[in-house]
N, C-alpha and C. Protein backbone atom coordinates (compact mmCIF):
# COMPACT_ATOMS: atom_id res chain seq x y z
N MET A 1 0.85 -1.17 0.00
CA MET A 1 0.00 0.00 0.00
C MET A 1 0.90 1.23 0.00
N VAL A 2 0.70 2.11 -0.96
CA VAL A 2 1.46 3.34 -1.05
C VAL A 2 0.78 4.39 -0.18
N PRO A 3 1.53 4.98 0.77
CA PRO A 3 0.90 5.97 1.65
C PRO A 3 0.53 7.24 0.90
N SER A 4 -0.58 7.85 1.30
CA SER A 4 -0.98 9.13 0.73
C SER A 4 -0.17 10.22 1.41
N PRO A 5 -0.07 11.42 0.79
CA PRO A 5 0.67 12.51 1.44
C PRO A 5 0.13 12.83 2.83
N GLU A 6 -1.20 12.76 3.01
CA GLU A 6 -1.78 13.05 4.32
C GLU A 6 -1.39 11.98 5.34
N LEU A 7 -1.47 10.73 4.94
CA LEU A 7 -1.15 9.63 5.84
C LEU A 7 0.33 9.65 6.21
N SER A 8 1.17 10.08 5.29
CA SER A 8 2.61 10.08 5.56
C SER A 8 2.99 11.02 6.69
N GLN A 9 2.11 11.95 7.05
CA GLN A 9 2.38 12.89 8.14
C GLN A 9 2.04 12.29 9.51
N ILE A 10 1.35 11.17 9.54
CA ILE A 10 0.91 10.57 10.80
C ILE A 10 2.02 9.68 11.36
N LYS A 11 2.50 10.03 12.55
CA LYS A 11 3.54 9.21 13.19
C LYS A 11 2.94 8.04 13.95
N VAL A 12 1.86 8.29 14.70
CA VAL A 12 1.15 7.25 15.44
C VAL A 12 -0.33 7.59 15.40
N GLY A 13 -1.14 6.62 15.05
CA GLY A 13 -2.58 6.89 15.02
C GLY A 13 -3.37 5.67 14.61
N LEU A 14 -4.62 5.93 14.29
CA LEU A 14 -5.53 4.88 13.86
C LEU A 14 -6.19 5.30 12.56
N LEU A 15 -6.31 4.37 11.65
CA LEU A 15 -6.99 4.58 10.38
C LEU A 15 -8.33 3.86 10.45
N HIS A 16 -9.42 4.61 10.38
CA HIS A 16 -10.75 4.00 10.39
C HIS A 16 -11.28 4.04 8.97
N LEU A 17 -11.48 2.87 8.39
CA LEU A 17 -12.05 2.75 7.06
C LEU A 17 -13.51 2.35 7.21
N PHE A 18 -14.39 3.06 6.51
CA PHE A 18 -15.82 2.77 6.57
C PHE A 18 -16.37 2.76 5.16
N LEU A 19 -17.09 1.72 4.83
CA LEU A 19 -17.66 1.52 3.50
C LEU A 19 -19.16 1.80 3.53
N GLN A 20 -19.60 2.76 2.75
CA GLN A 20 -21.02 3.11 2.68
C GLN A 20 -21.68 2.35 1.53
N HIS A 21 -21.76 1.05 1.70
CA HIS A 21 -22.31 0.19 0.65
C HIS A 21 -22.90 -1.04 1.33
N THR A 22 -24.14 -1.37 1.03
CA THR A 22 -24.81 -2.45 1.76
C THR A 22 -24.60 -3.84 1.19
N SER A 23 -23.98 -3.95 0.03
CA SER A 23 -23.74 -5.28 -0.52
C SER A 23 -22.25 -5.54 -0.74
N ALA A 24 -21.43 -4.81 0.00
CA ALA A 24 -19.98 -5.01 -0.05
C ALA A 24 -19.45 -4.94 1.38
N SER A 25 -18.20 -5.35 1.55
CA SER A 25 -17.63 -5.37 2.89
C SER A 25 -16.13 -5.12 2.84
N LEU A 26 -15.57 -4.88 4.02
CA LEU A 26 -14.13 -4.74 4.19
C LEU A 26 -13.66 -5.80 5.17
N THR A 27 -12.51 -6.39 4.90
CA THR A 27 -11.95 -7.36 5.83
C THR A 27 -10.43 -7.41 5.65
N LEU A 28 -9.75 -7.89 6.67
CA LEU A 28 -8.31 -8.16 6.60
C LEU A 28 -8.13 -9.66 6.47
N ASN A 29 -7.17 -10.06 5.65
CA ASN A 29 -6.88 -11.47 5.56
C ASN A 29 -5.51 -11.67 4.93
N GLU A 30 -5.10 -12.93 4.86
CA GLU A 30 -3.83 -13.27 4.23
C GLU A 30 -3.88 -12.83 2.78
N ASN A 31 -2.83 -12.18 2.31
CA ASN A 31 -2.88 -11.55 1.00
C ASN A 31 -1.72 -11.95 0.10
N VAL A 32 -1.11 -13.09 0.35
CA VAL A 32 0.00 -13.52 -0.50
C VAL A 32 -0.49 -14.52 -1.54
N SER A 33 -1.19 -15.53 -1.08
CA SER A 33 -1.68 -16.56 -1.99
C SER A 33 -3.04 -16.18 -2.57
N PRO A 34 -3.18 -16.19 -3.90
CA PRO A 34 -4.49 -15.93 -4.50
C PRO A 34 -5.51 -17.01 -4.15
N ASP A 35 -5.04 -18.16 -3.67
CA ASP A 35 -5.97 -19.23 -3.27
C ASP A 35 -6.86 -18.78 -2.11
N VAL A 36 -6.37 -17.88 -1.27
CA VAL A 36 -7.17 -17.41 -0.13
C VAL A 36 -8.43 -16.71 -0.65
N ARG A 37 -8.27 -15.83 -1.62
CA ARG A 37 -9.44 -15.13 -2.17
C ARG A 37 -10.42 -16.10 -2.80
N THR A 38 -9.90 -17.06 -3.55
CA THR A 38 -10.76 -18.06 -4.19
C THR A 38 -11.48 -18.89 -3.15
N ASP A 39 -10.75 -19.34 -2.11
CA ASP A 39 -11.37 -20.15 -1.07
C ASP A 39 -12.42 -19.37 -0.30
N LEU A 40 -12.17 -18.09 0.01
CA LEU A 40 -13.16 -17.26 0.69
C LEU A 40 -14.43 -17.13 -0.15
N GLU A 41 -14.25 -16.84 -1.42
CA GLU A 41 -15.41 -16.70 -2.32
C GLU A 41 -16.20 -18.00 -2.40
N ASN A 42 -15.50 -19.12 -2.55
CA ASN A 42 -16.18 -20.42 -2.63
C ASN A 42 -16.93 -20.73 -1.35
N HIS A 43 -16.32 -20.45 -0.21
CA HIS A 43 -16.96 -20.72 1.08
C HIS A 43 -18.23 -19.88 1.24
N PHE A 44 -18.12 -18.58 0.99
CA PHE A 44 -19.28 -17.71 1.14
C PHE A 44 -20.38 -18.05 0.14
N SER A 45 -20.01 -18.47 -1.06
CA SER A 45 -21.03 -18.84 -2.05
C SER A 45 -21.79 -20.10 -1.64
N ARG A 46 -21.10 -21.02 -0.96
CA ARG A 46 -21.78 -22.22 -0.45
C ARG A 46 -22.60 -21.90 0.80
N ALA A 47 -22.06 -21.06 1.68
CA ALA A 47 -22.74 -20.75 2.94
C ALA A 47 -23.97 -19.88 2.73
N VAL A 48 -23.89 -18.97 1.75
CA VAL A 48 -24.99 -18.04 1.49
C VAL A 48 -25.26 -18.05 -0.02
N PRO A 49 -25.92 -19.08 -0.51
CA PRO A 49 -26.12 -19.23 -1.95
C PRO A 49 -27.22 -18.32 -2.50
N GLU A 50 -27.12 -18.03 -3.77
CA GLU A 50 -28.21 -17.36 -4.47
C GLU A 50 -29.37 -18.34 -4.61
N ASN A 51 -30.58 -17.78 -4.73
CA ASN A 51 -31.80 -18.58 -4.91
C ASN A 51 -32.06 -19.55 -3.76
N ALA A 52 -31.59 -19.21 -2.56
CA ALA A 52 -31.85 -20.07 -1.40
C ALA A 52 -33.33 -20.04 -1.04
N PRO A 53 -33.89 -21.15 -0.62
CA PRO A 53 -35.29 -21.16 -0.23
C PRO A 53 -35.53 -20.22 0.95
N GLY A 54 -36.67 -19.56 0.94
CA GLY A 54 -37.04 -18.69 2.04
C GLY A 54 -36.57 -17.26 1.94
N VAL A 55 -35.75 -16.94 0.96
CA VAL A 55 -35.28 -15.56 0.78
C VAL A 55 -36.39 -14.75 0.15
N ARG A 56 -36.74 -13.65 0.77
CA ARG A 56 -37.86 -12.83 0.29
C ARG A 56 -37.40 -11.60 -0.49
N HIS A 57 -36.24 -11.06 -0.17
CA HIS A 57 -35.77 -9.84 -0.82
C HIS A 57 -35.09 -10.21 -2.15
N THR A 58 -35.88 -10.23 -3.22
CA THR A 58 -35.36 -10.64 -4.53
C THR A 58 -35.66 -9.62 -5.63
N LEU A 59 -36.16 -8.44 -5.26
CA LEU A 59 -36.55 -7.45 -6.27
C LEU A 59 -35.37 -6.99 -7.13
N GLU A 60 -34.17 -7.02 -6.58
CA GLU A 60 -33.00 -6.56 -7.32
C GLU A 60 -32.16 -7.71 -7.86
N GLY A 61 -32.71 -8.90 -7.83
CA GLY A 61 -32.00 -10.05 -8.38
C GLY A 61 -31.67 -11.08 -7.32
N PRO A 62 -31.34 -12.29 -7.75
CA PRO A 62 -31.09 -13.38 -6.82
C PRO A 62 -29.80 -13.22 -6.01
N ASP A 63 -28.90 -12.31 -6.42
CA ASP A 63 -27.66 -12.13 -5.68
C ASP A 63 -27.73 -11.02 -4.64
N ASP A 64 -28.84 -10.28 -4.61
CA ASP A 64 -28.91 -9.10 -3.73
C ASP A 64 -28.96 -9.46 -2.25
N MET A 65 -29.90 -10.28 -1.84
CA MET A 65 -29.99 -10.62 -0.41
C MET A 65 -28.78 -11.41 0.05
N PRO A 66 -28.28 -12.38 -0.72
CA PRO A 66 -27.04 -13.04 -0.30
C PRO A 66 -25.89 -12.04 -0.12
N ALA A 67 -25.84 -11.01 -0.97
CA ALA A 67 -24.79 -10.00 -0.83
C ALA A 67 -24.94 -9.23 0.48
N HIS A 68 -26.17 -8.90 0.85
CA HIS A 68 -26.40 -8.20 2.12
C HIS A 68 -25.99 -9.07 3.31
N ILE A 69 -26.29 -10.35 3.25
CA ILE A 69 -25.91 -11.26 4.34
C ILE A 69 -24.39 -11.36 4.45
N LYS A 70 -23.71 -11.55 3.33
CA LYS A 70 -22.25 -11.64 3.34
C LYS A 70 -21.62 -10.36 3.87
N ALA A 71 -22.17 -9.22 3.46
CA ALA A 71 -21.65 -7.94 3.94
C ALA A 71 -21.85 -7.82 5.45
N SER A 72 -22.98 -8.29 5.97
CA SER A 72 -23.22 -8.24 7.41
C SER A 72 -22.26 -9.15 8.16
N LEU A 73 -21.95 -10.30 7.59
CA LEU A 73 -21.02 -11.22 8.25
C LEU A 73 -19.61 -10.66 8.34
N LEU A 74 -19.16 -10.00 7.29
CA LEU A 74 -17.78 -9.48 7.28
C LEU A 74 -17.68 -8.07 7.87
N GLY A 75 -18.67 -7.24 7.64
CA GLY A 75 -18.66 -5.90 8.22
C GLY A 75 -18.30 -4.81 7.22
N SER A 76 -18.59 -3.58 7.62
CA SER A 76 -18.39 -2.44 6.73
C SER A 76 -17.25 -1.53 7.17
N GLY A 77 -16.52 -1.90 8.21
CA GLY A 77 -15.46 -1.02 8.69
C GLY A 77 -14.27 -1.78 9.22
N LEU A 78 -13.12 -1.09 9.21
CA LEU A 78 -11.88 -1.62 9.77
C LEU A 78 -11.21 -0.51 10.57
N LEU A 79 -10.52 -0.89 11.62
CA LEU A 79 -9.70 0.03 12.41
C LEU A 79 -8.28 -0.51 12.38
N ILE A 80 -7.38 0.26 11.79
CA ILE A 80 -6.02 -0.22 11.54
C ILE A 80 -5.02 0.75 12.18
N PRO A 81 -4.05 0.23 12.92
CA PRO A 81 -3.03 1.12 13.48
C PRO A 81 -2.16 1.70 12.37
N VAL A 82 -1.70 2.93 12.60
CA VAL A 82 -0.81 3.62 11.67
C VAL A 82 0.45 4.00 12.42
N GLY A 83 1.58 3.83 11.79
CA GLY A 83 2.86 4.24 12.37
C GLY A 83 3.81 4.67 11.28
N GLU A 84 4.48 5.78 11.51
CA GLU A 84 5.46 6.30 10.54
C GLU A 84 4.84 6.44 9.15
N GLY A 85 3.58 6.87 9.11
CA GLY A 85 2.94 7.18 7.83
C GLY A 85 2.43 6.00 7.04
N ARG A 86 2.38 4.81 7.67
CA ARG A 86 1.94 3.62 6.94
C ARG A 86 0.99 2.80 7.80
N PRO A 87 0.02 2.14 7.19
CA PRO A 87 -0.79 1.19 7.95
C PRO A 87 0.11 0.09 8.49
N ARG A 88 -0.08 -0.27 9.73
CA ARG A 88 0.75 -1.30 10.37
C ARG A 88 0.03 -2.64 10.29
N LEU A 89 0.02 -3.19 9.09
CA LEU A 89 -0.58 -4.50 8.86
C LEU A 89 0.45 -5.58 9.16
N GLY A 90 -0.04 -6.79 9.46
CA GLY A 90 0.85 -7.92 9.64
C GLY A 90 1.55 -8.26 8.33
N THR A 91 2.61 -9.02 8.43
CA THR A 91 3.45 -9.36 7.27
C THR A 91 2.63 -9.87 6.09
N TRP A 92 1.66 -10.72 6.35
CA TRP A 92 0.91 -11.35 5.28
C TRP A 92 -0.46 -10.73 5.05
N GLN A 93 -0.82 -9.72 5.84
CA GLN A 93 -2.17 -9.17 5.77
C GLN A 93 -2.35 -8.20 4.61
N GLY A 94 -3.57 -8.19 4.11
CA GLY A 94 -3.99 -7.22 3.12
C GLY A 94 -5.43 -6.81 3.40
N ILE A 95 -5.80 -5.64 2.93
CA ILE A 95 -7.17 -5.15 3.07
C ILE A 95 -7.97 -5.61 1.87
N TYR A 96 -9.06 -6.28 2.13
CA TYR A 96 -9.93 -6.76 1.07
C TYR A 96 -11.18 -5.89 0.99
N LEU A 97 -11.47 -5.38 -0.19
CA LEU A 97 -12.75 -4.77 -0.50
C LEU A 97 -13.54 -5.84 -1.24
N CYS A 98 -14.58 -6.35 -0.61
CA CYS A 98 -15.34 -7.47 -1.16
C CYS A 98 -16.69 -6.99 -1.69
N GLU A 99 -16.85 -7.01 -2.98
CA GLU A 99 -18.16 -6.72 -3.59
C GLU A 99 -18.86 -8.06 -3.73
N HIS A 100 -20.02 -8.19 -3.11
CA HIS A 100 -20.70 -9.48 -3.07
C HIS A 100 -21.77 -9.65 -4.13
N ARG A 101 -22.05 -8.62 -4.90
CA ARG A 101 -23.03 -8.76 -5.99
C ARG A 101 -22.31 -9.30 -7.22
N ASN A 102 -22.97 -10.21 -7.89
CA ASN A 102 -22.47 -10.72 -9.18
C ASN A 102 -23.12 -10.01 -10.34
N GLN A 103 -24.30 -9.44 -10.09
CA GLN A 103 -25.07 -8.75 -11.11
C GLN A 103 -25.38 -7.36 -10.58
N GLY A 104 -25.58 -6.43 -11.46
CA GLY A 104 -26.01 -5.11 -11.05
C GLY A 104 -27.50 -5.05 -10.85
N ASP A 105 -27.96 -3.92 -10.38
CA ASP A 105 -29.40 -3.68 -10.23
C ASP A 105 -30.02 -3.71 -11.62
N PRO A 106 -30.95 -4.65 -11.91
CA PRO A 106 -31.52 -4.73 -13.25
C PRO A 106 -32.30 -3.48 -13.64
N GLY A 107 -32.73 -2.70 -12.66
CA GLY A 107 -33.47 -1.48 -12.97
C GLY A 107 -32.57 -0.27 -13.05
N GLY A 108 -31.28 -0.40 -12.69
CA GLY A 108 -30.39 0.76 -12.62
C GLY A 108 -29.42 0.76 -13.71
């Protein structure tokens, strides 16, 4: 992650990231192997499938309610320590922006 000019001025602090989106999420995870992203996607797709029985919110497509559930499970914010102008992530950590919709709003 390349620090921004504003972040580079911070010697010690906290970075609060907040996502204003109801079908996406933010999370930290291992970021070296691309298999992690694939495995996360596969797990969430099995745990919260599209067209699941009993889902009522389908006006925006079969992926909309599953996306809201996945976003609720992972969350919309992160709090990350900052030191010497950089996020202080673990050696293998990366910030994931997870968009859980596969299709857009059919009316939009």
